[in-house]
């Protein structure tokens, strides 16, 4: 999985938290943005998630 996120997201979610949070999600972008907002992100939260297949 490749996650591209701006500082609005990464300031409230560390890289070690992001992948486990998204691993089994059907809508990983929505999950990540909602989690950033829940953690009081004060910036915009553009996110791109690319799921890679084996």
PDB file of N, CA and C in Angstrom:
ATOM      1  N   UNK A   1       0.851  -1.162   0.000  1.00  0.00           N
ATOM      2  CA  UNK A   1       0.000   0.000   0.000  1.00  0.00           C
ATOM      3  C   UNK A   1       0.901   1.230   0.000  1.00  0.00           C
ATOM      4  N   UNK A   2       0.554   2.169  -0.827  1.00  0.00           N
ATOM      5  CA  UNK A   2       1.269   3.438  -0.901  1.00  0.00           C
ATOM      6  C   UNK A   2       0.307   4.531  -0.450  1.00  0.00           C
ATOM      7  N   UNK A   3       0.713   5.311   0.524  1.00  0.00           N
ATOM      8  CA  UNK A   3      -0.131   6.381   1.048  1.00  0.00           C
ATOM      9  C   UNK A   3       0.593   7.706   0.858  1.00  0.00           C
ATOM     10  N   UNK A   4      -0.057   8.618   0.177  1.00  0.00           N
ATOM     11  CA  UNK A   4       0.453   9.982   0.011  1.00  0.00           C
ATOM     12  C   UNK A   4      -0.475  10.901   0.796  1.00  0.00           C
ATOM     13  N   UNK A   5       0.074  11.585   1.771  1.00  0.00           N
ATOM     14  CA  UNK A   5      -0.742  12.445   2.623  1.00  0.00           C
ATOM     15  C   UNK A   5       0.038  13.708   2.960  1.00  0.00           C
ATOM     16  N   UNK A   6      -0.678  14.787   3.145  1.00  0.00           N
ATOM     17  CA  UNK A   6      -0.034  16.052   3.488  1.00  0.00           C
ATOM     18  C   UNK A   6       0.159  16.160   4.997  1.00  0.00           C
ATOM     19  N   UNK A   7       0.799  17.236   5.400  1.00  0.00           N
ATOM     20  CA  UNK A   7       1.085  17.434   6.818  1.00  0.00           C
ATOM     21  C   UNK A   7      -0.169  17.588   7.667  1.00  0.00           C
ATOM     22  N   UNK A   8      -1.282  17.952   7.067  1.00  0.00           N
ATOM     23  CA  UNK A   8      -2.531  18.025   7.824  1.00  0.00           C
ATOM     24  C   UNK A   8      -2.903  16.677   8.414  1.00  0.00           C
ATOM     25  N   UNK A   9      -2.536  15.626   7.720  1.00  0.00           N
ATOM     26  CA  UNK A   9      -2.796  14.269   8.196  1.00  0.00           C
ATOM     27  C   UNK A   9      -1.631  13.747   9.020  1.00  0.00           C
ATOM     28  N   UNK A  10      -0.427  13.915   8.519  1.00  0.00           N
ATOM     29  CA  UNK A  10       0.730  13.309   9.190  1.00  0.00           C
ATOM     30  C   UNK A  10       1.116  14.010  10.493  1.00  0.00           C
ATOM     31  N   UNK A  11       0.623  15.214  10.721  1.00  0.00           N
ATOM     32  CA  UNK A  11       0.894  15.874  12.003  1.00  0.00           C
ATOM     33  C   UNK A  11       0.087  15.262  13.142  1.00  0.00           C
ATOM     34  N   UNK A  12      -1.034  14.618  12.821  1.00  0.00           N
ATOM     35  CA  UNK A  12      -1.868  14.014  13.871  1.00  0.00           C
ATOM     36  C   UNK A  12      -1.834  12.488  13.843  1.00  0.00           C
ATOM     37  N   UNK A  13      -1.314  11.914  12.769  1.00  0.00           N
ATOM     38  CA  UNK A  13      -1.191  10.462  12.639  1.00  0.00           C
ATOM     39  C   UNK A  13       0.230  10.130  12.219  1.00  0.00           C
ATOM     40  N   UNK A  14       0.918   9.358  13.002  1.00  0.00           N
ATOM     41  CA  UNK A  14       2.276   8.964  12.660  1.00  0.00           C
ATOM     42  C   UNK A  14       2.292   7.875  11.606  1.00  0.00           C
ATOM     43  N   UNK A  15       3.390   7.748  10.914  1.00  0.00           N
ATOM     44  CA  UNK A  15       3.500   6.746   9.843  1.00  0.00           C
ATOM     45  C   UNK A  15       3.300   5.327  10.363  1.00  0.00           C
ATOM     46  N   UNK A  16       3.669   5.075  11.611  1.00  0.00           N
ATOM     47  CA  UNK A  16       3.487   3.740  12.190  1.00  0.00           C
ATOM     48  C   UNK A  16       2.016   3.440  12.475  1.00  0.00           C
ATOM     49  N   UNK A  17       1.172   4.460  12.517  1.00  0.00           N
ATOM     50  CA  UNK A  17      -0.257   4.275  12.775  1.00  0.00           C
ATOM     51  C   UNK A  17      -1.074   4.123  11.494  1.00  0.00           C
ATOM     52  N   UNK A  18      -0.609   4.726  10.424  1.00  0.00           N
ATOM     53  CA  UNK A  18      -1.423   4.826   9.214  1.00  0.00           C
ATOM     54  C   UNK A  18      -1.668   3.473   8.555  1.00  0.00           C
ATOM     55  N   UNK A  19      -0.653   2.702   8.275  1.00  0.00           N
ATOM     56  CA  UNK A  19      -0.825   1.436   7.546  1.00  0.00           C
ATOM     57  C   UNK A  19      -1.704   0.451   8.313  1.00  0.00           C
ATOM     58  N   UNK A  20      -1.449   0.198   9.608  1.00  0.00           N
ATOM     59  CA  UNK A  20      -2.343  -0.721  10.324  1.00  0.00           C
ATOM     60  C   UNK A  20      -3.797  -0.239  10.347  1.00  0.00           C
ATOM     61  N   UNK A  21      -3.990   1.064  10.399  1.00  0.00           N
ATOM     62  CA  UNK A  21      -5.334   1.631  10.412  1.00  0.00           C
ATOM     63  C   UNK A  21      -6.080   1.333   9.115  1.00  0.00           C
ATOM     64  N   UNK A  22      -5.350   1.246   8.006  1.00  0.00           N
ATOM     65  CA  UNK A  22      -5.976   1.124   6.688  1.00  0.00           C
ATOM     66  C   UNK A  22      -5.978  -0.278   6.098  1.00  0.00           C
ATOM     67  N   UNK A  23      -5.255  -1.209   6.664  1.00  0.00           N
ATOM     68  CA  UNK A  23      -5.020  -2.496   6.015  1.00  0.00           C
ATOM     69  C   UNK A  23      -6.273  -3.215   5.538  1.00  0.00           C
ATOM     70  N   UNK A  24      -7.323  -3.251   6.302  1.00  0.00           N
ATOM     71  CA  UNK A  24      -8.514  -4.006   5.910  1.00  0.00           C
ATOM     72  C   UNK A  24      -9.697  -3.116   5.565  1.00  0.00           C
ATOM     73  N   UNK A  25      -9.424  -1.890   5.216  1.00  0.00           N
ATOM     74  CA  UNK A  25     -10.484  -0.930   4.918  1.00  0.00           C
ATOM     75  C   UNK A  25     -10.910  -0.977   3.457  1.00  0.00           C
ATOM     76  N   UNK A  26     -12.218  -0.932   3.241  1.00  0.00           N
ATOM     77  CA  UNK A  26     -12.760  -0.830   1.882  1.00  0.00           C
ATOM     78  C   UNK A  26     -12.564   0.581   1.327  1.00  0.00           C
ATOM     79  N   UNK A  27     -12.677   1.582   2.189  1.00  0.00           N
ATOM     80  CA  UNK A  27     -12.542   2.993   1.803  1.00  0.00           C
ATOM     81  C   UNK A  27     -11.419   3.638   2.628  1.00  0.00           C
ATOM     82  N   UNK A  28     -10.166   3.327   2.319  1.00  0.00           N
ATOM     83  CA  UNK A  28      -9.062   3.800   3.163  1.00  0.00           C
ATOM     84  C   UNK A  28      -8.900   5.315   3.203  1.00  0.00           C
ATOM     85  N   UNK A  29      -9.207   6.002   2.119  1.00  0.00           N
ATOM     86  CA  UNK A  29      -9.070   7.463   2.115  1.00  0.00           C
ATOM     87  C   UNK A  29     -10.058   8.071   3.104  1.00  0.00           C
ATOM     88  N   UNK A  30     -11.311   7.635   3.038  1.00  0.00           N
ATOM     89  CA  UNK A  30     -12.319   8.146   3.971  1.00  0.00           C
ATOM     90  C   UNK A  30     -11.919   7.875   5.415  1.00  0.00           C
ATOM     91  N   UNK A  31     -11.448   6.669   5.681  1.00  0.00           N
ATOM     92  CA  UNK A  31     -11.040   6.290   7.038  1.00  0.00           C
ATOM     93  C   UNK A  31      -9.914   7.185   7.543  1.00  0.00           C
ATOM     94  N   UNK A  32      -8.925   7.435   6.708  1.00  0.00           N
ATOM     95  CA  UNK A  32      -7.773   8.235   7.113  1.00  0.00           C
ATOM     96  C   UNK A  32      -8.157   9.696   7.347  1.00  0.00           C
ATOM     97  N   UNK A  33      -8.950  10.258   6.460  1.00  0.00           N
ATOM     98  CA  UNK A  33      -9.373  11.653   6.616  1.00  0.00           C
ATOM     99  C   UNK A  33     -10.246  11.806   7.863  1.00  0.00           C
ATOM    100  N   UNK A  34     -11.181  10.883   8.061  1.00  0.00           N
ATOM    101  CA  UNK A  34     -12.044  10.954   9.253  1.00  0.00           C
ATOM    102  C   UNK A  34     -11.230  10.827  10.537  1.00  0.00           C
ATOM    103  N   UNK A  35     -10.231   9.966  10.535  1.00  0.00           N
ATOM    104  CA  UNK A  35      -9.385   9.794  11.722  1.00  0.00           C
ATOM    105  C   UNK A  35      -8.569  11.057  11.986  1.00  0.00           C
ATOM    106  N   UNK A  36      -8.063  11.693  10.941  1.00  0.00           N
ATOM    107  CA  UNK A  36      -7.307  12.942  11.112  1.00  0.00           C
ATOM    108  C   UNK A  36      -8.203  14.041  11.686  1.00  0.00           C
ATOM    109  N   UNK A  37      -9.421  14.135  11.189  1.00  0.00           N
ATOM    110  CA  UNK A  37     -10.367  15.134  11.703  1.00  0.00           C
ATOM    111  C   UNK A  37     -10.718  14.828  13.159  1.00  0.00           C
ATOM    112  N   UNK A  38     -10.939  13.563  13.445  1.00  0.00           N
ATOM    113  CA  UNK A  38     -11.248  13.133  14.821  1.00  0.00           C
ATOM    114  C   UNK A  38     -10.129  13.520  15.788  1.00  0.00           C
ATOM    115  N   UNK A  39      -8.901  13.498  15.295  1.00  0.00           N
ATOM    116  CA  UNK A  39      -7.742  13.851  16.128  1.00  0.00           C
ATOM    117  C   UNK A  39      -7.434  15.343  16.079  1.00  0.00           C
ATOM    118  N   UNK A  40      -8.385  16.109  15.610  1.00  0.00           N
ATOM    119  CA  UNK A  40      -8.313  17.580  15.643  1.00  0.00           C
ATOM    120  C   UNK A  40      -7.297  18.181  14.679  1.00  0.00           C
ATOM    121  N   UNK A  41      -7.163  17.592  13.498  1.00  0.00           N
ATOM    122  CA  UNK A  41      -6.310  18.196  12.479  1.00  0.00           C
ATOM    123  C   UNK A  41      -6.849  19.582  12.153  1.00  0.00           C
ATOM    124  N   UNK A  42      -5.978  20.555  12.112  1.00  0.00           N
ATOM    125  CA  UNK A  42      -6.390  21.928  11.838  1.00  0.00           C
ATOM    126  C   UNK A  42      -6.036  22.369  10.425  1.00  0.00           C
ATOM    127  N   UNK A  43      -5.603  21.443   9.596  1.00  0.00           N
ATOM    128  CA  UNK A  43      -5.176  21.749   8.229  1.00  0.00           C
ATOM    129  C   UNK A  43      -6.039  20.930   7.275  1.00  0.00           C
ATOM    130  N   UNK A  44      -5.869  21.165   5.985  1.00  0.00           N
ATOM    131  CA  UNK A  44      -6.579  20.327   5.019  1.00  0.00           C
ATOM    132  C   UNK A  44      -5.929  18.943   4.994  1.00  0.00           C
ATOM    133  N   UNK A  45      -6.662  17.941   4.486  1.00  0.00           N
ATOM    134  CA  UNK A  45      -6.212  16.555   4.577  1.00  0.00           C
ATOM    135  C   UNK A  45      -6.304  15.813   3.246  1.00  0.00           C
ATOM    136  N   UNK A  46      -5.689  16.316   2.183  1.00  0.00           N
ATOM    137  CA  UNK A  46      -5.719  15.540   0.946  1.00  0.00           C
ATOM    138  C   UNK A  46      -4.915  14.249   1.108  1.00  0.00           C
ATOM    139  N   UNK A  47      -5.491  13.158   0.639  1.00  0.00           N
ATOM    140  CA  UNK A  47      -4.876  11.838   0.786  1.00  0.00           C
ATOM    141  C   UNK A  47      -5.083  11.049  -0.498  1.00  0.00           C
ATOM    142  N   UNK A  48      -4.058  10.312  -0.904  1.00  0.00           N
ATOM    143  CA  UNK A  48      -4.154   9.350  -2.004  1.00  0.00           C
ATOM    144  C   UNK A  48      -3.658   8.019  -1.457  1.00  0.00           C
ATOM    145  N   UNK A  49      -4.450   6.963  -1.666  1.00  0.00           N
ATOM    146  CA  UNK A  49      -4.044   5.623  -1.245  1.00  0.00           C
ATOM    147  C   UNK A  49      -4.039   4.731  -2.476  1.00  0.00           C
ATOM    148  N   UNK A  50      -2.926   4.070  -2.706  1.00  0.00           N
ATOM    149  CA  UNK A  50      -2.797   3.135  -3.827  1.00  0.00           C
ATOM    150  C   UNK A  50      -2.588   1.749  -3.240  1.00  0.00           C
ATOM    151  N   UNK A  51      -3.530   0.860  -3.537  1.00  0.00           N
ATOM    152  CA  UNK A  51      -3.404  -0.519  -3.064  1.00  0.00           C
ATOM    153  C   UNK A  51      -2.641  -1.317  -4.109  1.00  0.00           C
ATOM    154  N   UNK A  52      -1.567  -1.936  -3.695  1.00  0.00           N
ATOM    155  CA  UNK A  52      -0.735  -2.734  -4.593  1.00  0.00           C
ATOM    156  C   UNK A  52      -1.097  -4.202  -4.441  1.00  0.00           C
ATOM    157  N   UNK A  53      -1.172  -4.906  -5.541  1.00  0.00           N
ATOM    158  CA  UNK A  53      -1.455  -6.341  -5.498  1.00  0.00           C
ATOM    159  C   UNK A  53      -0.154  -7.111  -5.603  1.00  0.00           C
ATOM    160  N   UNK A  54      -0.138  -8.300  -5.023  1.00  0.00           N
ATOM    161  CA  UNK A  54       1.069  -9.150  -5.068  1.00  0.00           C
ATOM    162  C   UNK A  54       1.348  -9.637  -6.460  1.00  0.00           C
TER     163      UNK A  54
END
